[in-house]
PDB file of N, CA and C in Angstrom:
ATOM      1  N   MET A   1      88.836 136.508 145.450  1.00  0.00           N
ATOM      2  CA  MET A   1      87.780 136.732 146.418  1.00  0.00           C
ATOM      3  C   MET A   1      87.384 135.420 147.082  1.00  0.00           C
ATOM      4  N   ASP A   2      86.835 134.485 146.284  1.00  0.00           N
ATOM      5  CA  ASP A   2      86.498 133.165 146.785  1.00  0.00           C
ATOM      6  C   ASP A   2      86.564 132.190 145.617  1.00  0.00           C
ATOM      7  N   ASP A   3      86.114 130.962 145.830  1.00  0.00           N
ATOM      8  CA  ASP A   3      86.236 129.941 144.788  1.00  0.00           C
ATOM      9  C   ASP A   3      85.391 130.224 143.545  1.00  0.00           C
ATOM     10  N   TYR A   4      84.386 131.074 143.656  1.00  0.00           N
ATOM     11  CA  TYR A   4      83.475 131.316 142.535  1.00  0.00           C
ATOM     12  C   TYR A   4      83.460 132.763 142.038  1.00  0.00           C
ATOM     13  N   HIS A   5      84.326 133.607 142.580  1.00  0.00           N
ATOM     14  CA  HIS A   5      84.369 135.015 142.160  1.00  0.00           C
ATOM     15  C   HIS A   5      85.814 135.497 142.110  1.00  0.00           C
ATOM     16  N   GLN A   6      86.135 136.197 141.029  1.00  0.00           N
ATOM     17  CA  GLN A   6      87.462 136.783 140.879  1.00  0.00           C
ATOM     18  C   GLN A   6      87.349 138.093 140.113  1.00  0.00           C
ATOM     19  N   TYR A   7      88.302 138.993 140.393  1.00  0.00           N
ATOM     20  CA  TYR A   7      88.402 140.223 139.620  1.00  0.00           C
ATOM     21  C   TYR A   7      89.440 140.005 138.518  1.00  0.00           C
ATOM     22  N   HIS A   8      89.119 140.466 137.313  1.00  0.00           N
ATOM     23  CA  HIS A   8      90.040 140.393 136.181  1.00  0.00           C
ATOM     24  C   HIS A   8      90.005 141.724 135.446  1.00  0.00           C
ATOM     25  N   LYS A   9      91.176 142.155 134.981  1.00  0.00           N
ATOM     26  CA  LYS A   9      91.266 143.365 134.180  1.00  0.00           C
ATOM     27  C   LYS A   9      91.400 142.966 132.723  1.00  0.00           C
ATOM     28  N   LEU A  10      90.407 143.343 131.919  1.00  0.00           N
ATOM     29  CA  LEU A  10      90.380 143.015 130.499  1.00  0.00           C
ATOM     30  C   LEU A  10      90.294 144.305 129.692  1.00  0.00           C
ATOM     31  N   ASN A  11      91.270 144.536 128.832  1.00  0.00           N
ATOM     32  CA  ASN A  11      91.295 145.760 128.021  1.00  0.00           C
ATOM     33  C   ASN A  11      91.156 147.011 128.875  1.00  0.00           C
ATOM     34  N   ASP A  12      91.897 147.050 129.981  1.00  0.00           N
ATOM     35  CA  ASP A  12      91.930 148.187 130.913  1.00  0.00           C
ATOM     36  C   ASP A  12      90.608 148.432 131.645  1.00  0.00           C
ATOM     37  N   ILE A  13      89.734 147.449 131.679  1.00  0.00           N
ATOM     38  CA  ILE A  13      88.472 147.551 132.411  1.00  0.00           C
ATOM     39  C   ILE A  13      88.406 146.402 133.414  1.00  0.00           C
ATOM     40  N   TRP A  14      88.080 146.714 134.664  1.00  0.00           N
ATOM     41  CA  TRP A  14      87.972 145.698 135.709  1.00  0.00           C
ATOM     42  C   TRP A  14      86.581 145.062 135.681  1.00  0.00           C
ATOM     43  N   TYR A  15      86.573 143.728 135.805  1.00  0.00           N
ATOM     44  CA  TYR A  15      85.331 142.961 135.830  1.00  0.00           C
ATOM     45  C   TYR A  15      85.319 142.007 137.013  1.00  0.00           C
ATOM     46  N   LEU A  16      84.133 141.761 137.529  1.00  0.00           N
ATOM     47  CA  LEU A  16      83.925 140.693 138.489  1.00  0.00           C
ATOM     48  C   LEU A  16      83.473 139.484 137.682  1.00  0.00           C
ATOM     49  N   ILE A  17      84.257 138.417 137.739  1.00  0.00           N
ATOM     50  CA  ILE A  17      83.949 137.184 137.014  1.00  0.00           C
ATOM     51  C   ILE A  17      83.322 136.209 138.001  1.00  0.00           C
ATOM     52  N   THR A  18      82.184 135.636 137.601  1.00  0.00           N
ATOM     53  CA  THR A  18      81.502 134.640 138.417  1.00  0.00           C
ATOM     54  C   THR A  18      81.639 133.284 137.742  1.00  0.00           C
ATOM     55  N   PHE A  19      82.149 132.329 138.502  1.00  0.00           N
ATOM     56  CA  PHE A  19      82.308 130.964 138.013  1.00  0.00           C
ATOM     57  C   PHE A  19      81.154 130.111 138.530  1.00  0.00           C
ATOM     58  N   GLU A  20      80.806 129.081 137.765  1.00  0.00           N
ATOM     59  CA  GLU A  20      79.754 128.156 138.165  1.00  0.00           C
ATOM     60  C   GLU A  20      80.216 126.726 137.909  1.00  0.00           C
ATOM     61  N   ASP A  21      79.631 125.804 138.678  1.00  0.00           N
ATOM     62  CA  ASP A  21      79.857 124.384 138.424  1.00  0.00           C
ATOM     63  C   ASP A  21      79.192 124.017 137.101  1.00  0.00           C
ATOM     64  N   LEU A  22      79.715 122.989 136.476  1.00  0.00           N
ATOM     65  CA  LEU A  22      79.113 122.518 135.233  1.00  0.00           C
ATOM     66  C   LEU A  22      77.702 122.011 135.492  1.00  0.00           C
ATOM     67  N   PRO A  23      76.774 122.292 134.579  1.00  0.00           N
ATOM     68  CA  PRO A  23      75.425 121.743 134.730  1.00  0.00           C
ATOM     69  C   PRO A  23      75.474 120.222 134.529  1.00  0.00           C
ATOM     70  N   PRO A  24      74.509 119.505 135.067  1.00  0.00           N
ATOM     71  CA  PRO A  24      74.525 118.047 134.921  1.00  0.00           C
ATOM     72  C   PRO A  24      74.274 117.642 133.469  1.00  0.00           C
ATOM     73  N   PRO A  25      74.748 116.438 133.094  1.00  0.00           N
ATOM     74  CA  PRO A  25      74.448 115.941 131.744  1.00  0.00           C
ATOM     75  C   PRO A  25      72.936 115.887 131.559  1.00  0.00           C
ATOM     76  N   PRO A  26      72.422 116.023 130.386  1.00  0.00           N
ATOM     77  CA  PRO A  26      73.072 115.873 129.084  1.00  0.00           C
ATOM     78  C   PRO A  26      73.634 117.158 128.510  1.00  0.00           C
ATOM     79  N   ASN A  27      73.725 118.231 129.278  1.00  0.00           N
ATOM     80  CA  ASN A  27      74.284 119.486 128.758  1.00  0.00           C
ATOM     81  C   ASN A  27      75.775 119.306 128.509  1.00  0.00           C
ATOM     82  N   ASP A  28      76.142 119.157 127.243  1.00  0.00           N
ATOM     83  CA  ASP A  28      77.543 118.914 126.901  1.00  0.00           C
ATOM     84  C   ASP A  28      78.330 120.200 126.669  1.00  0.00           C
ATOM     85  N   TYR A  29      77.635 121.313 126.454  1.00  0.00           N
ATOM     86  CA  TYR A  29      78.317 122.570 126.158  1.00  0.00           C
ATOM     87  C   TYR A  29      77.873 123.671 127.119  1.00  0.00           C
ATOM     88  N   VAL A  30      78.808 124.551 127.439  1.00  0.00           N
ATOM     89  CA  VAL A  30      78.520 125.731 128.247  1.00  0.00           C
ATOM     90  C   VAL A  30      79.143 126.930 127.548  1.00  0.00           C
ATOM     91  N   THR A  31      78.643 128.121 127.853  1.00  0.00           N
ATOM     92  CA  THR A  31      79.215 129.345 127.293  1.00  0.00           C
ATOM     93  C   THR A  31      80.087 130.001 128.347  1.00  0.00           C
ATOM     94  N   ASP A  32      81.379 129.985 128.105  1.00  0.00           N
ATOM     95  CA  ASP A  32      82.378 130.577 128.994  1.00  0.00           C
ATOM     96  C   ASP A  32      82.638 132.005 128.514  1.00  0.00           C
ATOM     97  N   VAL A  33      82.678 132.977 129.434  1.00  0.00           N
ATOM     98  CA  VAL A  33      82.845 134.376 129.025  1.00  0.00           C
ATOM     99  C   VAL A  33      84.224 134.655 128.430  1.00  0.00           C
ATOM    100  N   PHE A  34      85.201 133.805 128.701  1.00  0.00           N
ATOM    101  CA  PHE A  34      86.529 133.986 128.127  1.00  0.00           C
ATOM    102  C   PHE A  34      86.690 133.233 126.810  1.00  0.00           C
ATOM    103  N   GLN A  35      86.151 132.010 126.756  1.00  0.00           N
ATOM    104  CA  GLN A  35      86.416 131.126 125.622  1.00  0.00           C
ATOM    105  C   GLN A  35      85.232 130.923 124.687  1.00  0.00           C
ATOM    106  N   GLY A  36      84.055 131.408 125.047  1.00  0.00           N
ATOM    107  CA  GLY A  36      82.871 131.191 124.228  1.00  0.00           C
ATOM    108  C   GLY A  36      82.285 129.818 124.499  1.00  0.00           C
ATOM    109  N   LEU A  37      81.675 129.229 123.490  1.00  0.00           N
ATOM    110  CA  LEU A  37      81.041 127.918 123.634  1.00  0.00           C
ATOM    111  C   LEU A  37      82.116 126.833 123.738  1.00  0.00           C
ATOM    112  N   ILE A  38      82.101 126.089 124.850  1.00  0.00           N
ATOM    113  CA  ILE A  38      83.096 125.041 125.059  1.00  0.00           C
ATOM    114  C   ILE A  38      82.415 123.750 125.487  1.00  0.00           C
ATOM    115  N   HIS A  39      83.061 122.653 125.176  1.00  0.00           N
ATOM    116  CA  HIS A  39      82.582 121.341 125.597  1.00  0.00           C
ATOM    117  C   HIS A  39      82.912 121.151 127.074  1.00  0.00           C
ATOM    118  N   ARG A  40      82.065 120.446 127.779  1.00  0.00           N
ATOM    119  CA  ARG A  40      82.256 120.256 129.218  1.00  0.00           C
ATOM    120  C   ARG A  40      83.607 119.632 129.549  1.00  0.00           C
ATOM    121  N   SER A  41      84.184 118.865 128.632  1.00  0.00           N
ATOM    122  CA  SER A  41      85.493 118.255 128.886  1.00  0.00           C
ATOM    123  C   SER A  41      86.600 119.310 128.943  1.00  0.00           C
ATOM    124  N   ASN A  42      86.355 120.499 128.378  1.00  0.00           N
ATOM    125  CA  ASN A  42      87.336 121.588 128.399  1.00  0.00           C
ATOM    126  C   ASN A  42      87.058 122.627 129.478  1.00  0.00           C
ATOM    127  N   ALA A  43      86.016 122.421 130.255  1.00  0.00           N
ATOM    128  CA  ALA A  43      85.623 123.395 131.282  1.00  0.00           C
ATOM    129  C   ALA A  43      86.362 123.106 132.583  1.00  0.00           C
ATOM    130  N   THR A  44      87.610 123.549 132.631  1.00  0.00           N
ATOM    131  CA  THR A  44      88.426 123.367 133.826  1.00  0.00           C
ATOM    132  C   THR A  44      89.134 124.686 134.112  1.00  0.00           C
ATOM    133  N   PHE A  45      89.066 125.107 135.364  1.00  0.00           N
ATOM    134  CA  PHE A  45      89.757 126.322 135.774  1.00  0.00           C
ATOM    135  C   PHE A  45      90.448 126.024 137.090  1.00  0.00           C
ATOM    136  N   LYS A  46      91.773 126.154 137.092  1.00  0.00           N
ATOM    137  CA  LYS A  46      92.577 125.861 138.280  1.00  0.00           C
ATOM    138  C   LYS A  46      92.255 124.474 138.836  1.00  0.00           C
ATOM    139  N   ALA A  47      92.246 123.497 137.943  1.00  0.00           N
ATOM    140  CA  ALA A  47      92.024 122.074 138.263  1.00  0.00           C
ATOM    141  C   ALA A  47      90.633 121.791 138.827  1.00  0.00           C
ATOM    142  N   ARG A  48      89.692 122.672 138.599  1.00  0.00           N
ATOM    143  CA  ARG A  48      88.317 122.461 139.054  1.00  0.00           C
ATOM    144  C   ARG A  48      87.401 122.414 137.846  1.00  0.00           C
ATOM    145  N   ARG A  49      86.308 121.699 137.952  1.00  0.00           N
ATOM    146  CA  ARG A  49      85.351 121.532 136.856  1.00  0.00           C
ATOM    147  C   ARG A  49      84.311 122.655 136.907  1.00  0.00           C
ATOM    148  N   ILE A  50      84.771 123.867 136.644  1.00  0.00           N
ATOM    149  CA  ILE A  50      83.908 125.048 136.630  1.00  0.00           C
ATOM    150  C   ILE A  50      84.208 125.844 135.364  1.00  0.00           C
ATOM    151  N   TYR A  51      83.361 126.832 135.100  1.00  0.00           N
ATOM    152  CA  TYR A  51      83.581 127.695 133.938  1.00  0.00           C
ATOM    153  C   TYR A  51      83.191 129.120 134.312  1.00  0.00           C
ATOM    154  N   ALA A  52      83.704 130.080 133.569  1.00  0.00           N
ATOM    155  CA  ALA A  52      83.407 131.498 133.790  1.00  0.00           C
ATOM    156  C   ALA A  52      82.033 131.794 133.201  1.00  0.00           C
ATOM    157  N   ALA A  53      81.031 131.860 134.061  1.00  0.00           N
ATOM    158  CA  ALA A  53      79.642 131.959 133.604  1.00  0.00           C
ATOM    159  C   ALA A  53      79.217 133.389 133.284  1.00  0.00           C
ATOM    160  N   SER A  54      79.766 134.374 134.008  1.00  0.00           N
ATOM    161  CA  SER A  54      79.343 135.747 133.747  1.00  0.00           C
ATOM    162  C   SER A  54      80.432 136.735 134.157  1.00  0.00           C
ATOM    163  N   LYS A  55      80.316 137.939 133.618  1.00  0.00           N
ATOM    164  CA  LYS A  55      81.212 139.026 134.019  1.00  0.00           C
ATOM    165  C   LYS A  55      80.383 140.292 134.148  1.00  0.00           C
ATOM    166  N   LYS A  56      80.779 141.118 135.124  1.00  0.00           N
ATOM    167  CA  LYS A  56      80.092 142.381 135.387  1.00  0.00           C
ATOM    168  C   LYS A  56      81.153 143.448 135.574  1.00  0.00           C
ATOM    169  N   GLN A  57      80.990 144.560 134.887  1.00  0.00           N
ATOM    170  CA  GLN A  57      81.957 145.644 135.032  1.00  0.00           C
ATOM    171  C   GLN A  57      81.917 146.177 136.455  1.00  0.00           C
ATOM    172  N   CYS A  58      83.090 146.422 137.011  1.00  0.00           N
ATOM    173  CA  CYS A  58      83.198 146.867 138.399  1.00  0.00           C
ATOM    174  C   CYS A  58      82.848 148.343 138.551  1.00  0.00           C
ATOM    175  N   SER A  59      82.305 148.661 139.696  1.00  0.00           N
ATOM    176  CA  SER A  59      82.005 150.051 140.040  1.00  0.00           C
ATOM    177  C   SER A  59      83.286 150.736 140.520  1.00  0.00           C
ATOM    178  N   LYS A  60      83.232 152.047 140.680  1.00  0.00           N
ATOM    179  CA  LYS A  60      84.390 152.794 141.182  1.00  0.00           C
ATOM    180  C   LYS A  60      84.768 152.314 142.577  1.00  0.00           C
ATOM    181  N   LYS A  61      83.788 151.996 143.382  1.00  0.00           N
ATOM    182  CA  LYS A  61      84.038 151.502 144.737  1.00  0.00           C
ATOM    183  C   LYS A  61      84.764 150.150 144.699  1.00  0.00           C
ATOM    184  N   GLU A  62      84.334 149.279 143.810  1.00  0.00           N
ATOM    185  CA  GLU A  62      84.993 147.975 143.675  1.00  0.00           C
ATOM    186  C   GLU A  62      86.424 148.133 143.165  1.00  0.00           C
ATOM    187  N   ILE A  63      86.624 149.041 142.223  1.00  0.00           N
ATOM    188  CA  ILE A  63      87.974 149.269 141.694  1.00  0.00           C
ATOM    189  C   ILE A  63      88.894 149.790 142.789  1.00  0.00           C
ATOM    190  N   GLN A  64      88.388 150.678 143.617  1.00  0.00           N
ATOM    191  CA  GLN A  64      89.190 151.190 144.729  1.00  0.00           C
ATOM    192  C   GLN A  64      89.576 150.053 145.669  1.00  0.00           C
ATOM    193  N   PHE A  65      88.636 149.143 145.942  1.00  0.00           N
ATOM    194  CA  PHE A  65      88.911 147.982 146.780  1.00  0.00           C
ATOM    195  C   PHE A  65      90.005 147.115 146.149  1.00  0.00           C
ATOM    196  N   ILE A  66      89.900 146.859 144.855  1.00  0.00           N
ATOM    197  CA  ILE A  66      90.874 146.041 144.148  1.00  0.00           C
ATOM    198  C   ILE A  66      92.259 146.676 144.246  1.00  0.00           C
ATOM    199  N   LEU A  67      92.336 147.969 143.958  1.00  0.00           N
ATOM    200  CA  LEU A  67      93.636 148.660 143.981  1.00  0.00           C
ATOM    201  C   LEU A  67      94.231 148.671 145.381  1.00  0.00           C
ATOM    202  N   ASN A  68      93.389 148.812 146.403  1.00  0.00           N
ATOM    203  CA  ASN A  68      93.892 148.749 147.777  1.00  0.00           C
ATOM    204  C   ASN A  68      94.444 147.364 148.089  1.00  0.00           C
ATOM    205  N   GLN A  69      93.767 146.317 147.634  1.00  0.00           N
ATOM    206  CA  GLN A  69      94.246 144.962 147.864  1.00  0.00           C
ATOM    207  C   GLN A  69      95.569 144.704 147.139  1.00  0.00           C
ATOM    208  N   LEU A  70      95.669 145.211 145.919  1.00  0.00           N
ATOM    209  CA  LEU A  70      96.901 145.019 145.155  1.00  0.00           C
ATOM    210  C   LEU A  70      98.076 145.772 145.772  1.00  0.00           C
ATOM    211  N   SER A  71      97.817 146.928 146.359  1.00  0.00           N
ATOM    212  CA  SER A  71      98.906 147.706 146.956  1.00  0.00           C
ATOM    213  C   SER A  71      99.441 147.036 148.218  1.00  0.00           C
ATOM    214  N   LYS A  72      98.672 146.165 148.828  1.00  0.00           N
ATOM    215  CA  LYS A  72      99.116 145.440 150.027  1.00  0.00           C
ATOM    216  C   LYS A  72     100.025 144.268 149.702  1.00  0.00           C
ATOM    217  N   GLN A  73     100.068 143.885 148.444  1.00  0.00           N
ATOM    218  CA  GLN A  73     100.873 142.703 148.066  1.00  0.00           C
ATOM    219  C   GLN A  73     102.319 143.051 147.909  1.00  0.00           C
TER     220      GLN A  73
END
């Protein structure tokens, strides 16, 4: 979708994942929805210093959008 939002299918359920920039120090740890509690030195996604901050289950409308986008590929 964009640099801070992606759709992921986990255990046959579609989720909207929201990424966030790392908080400023002294916060050394963040909670990543994929990896759990991680140190800021490990918070890298696609060569960027961000982490997966939240996930929300997709609605039927969002799933239809995702499937339409995938069928175009």
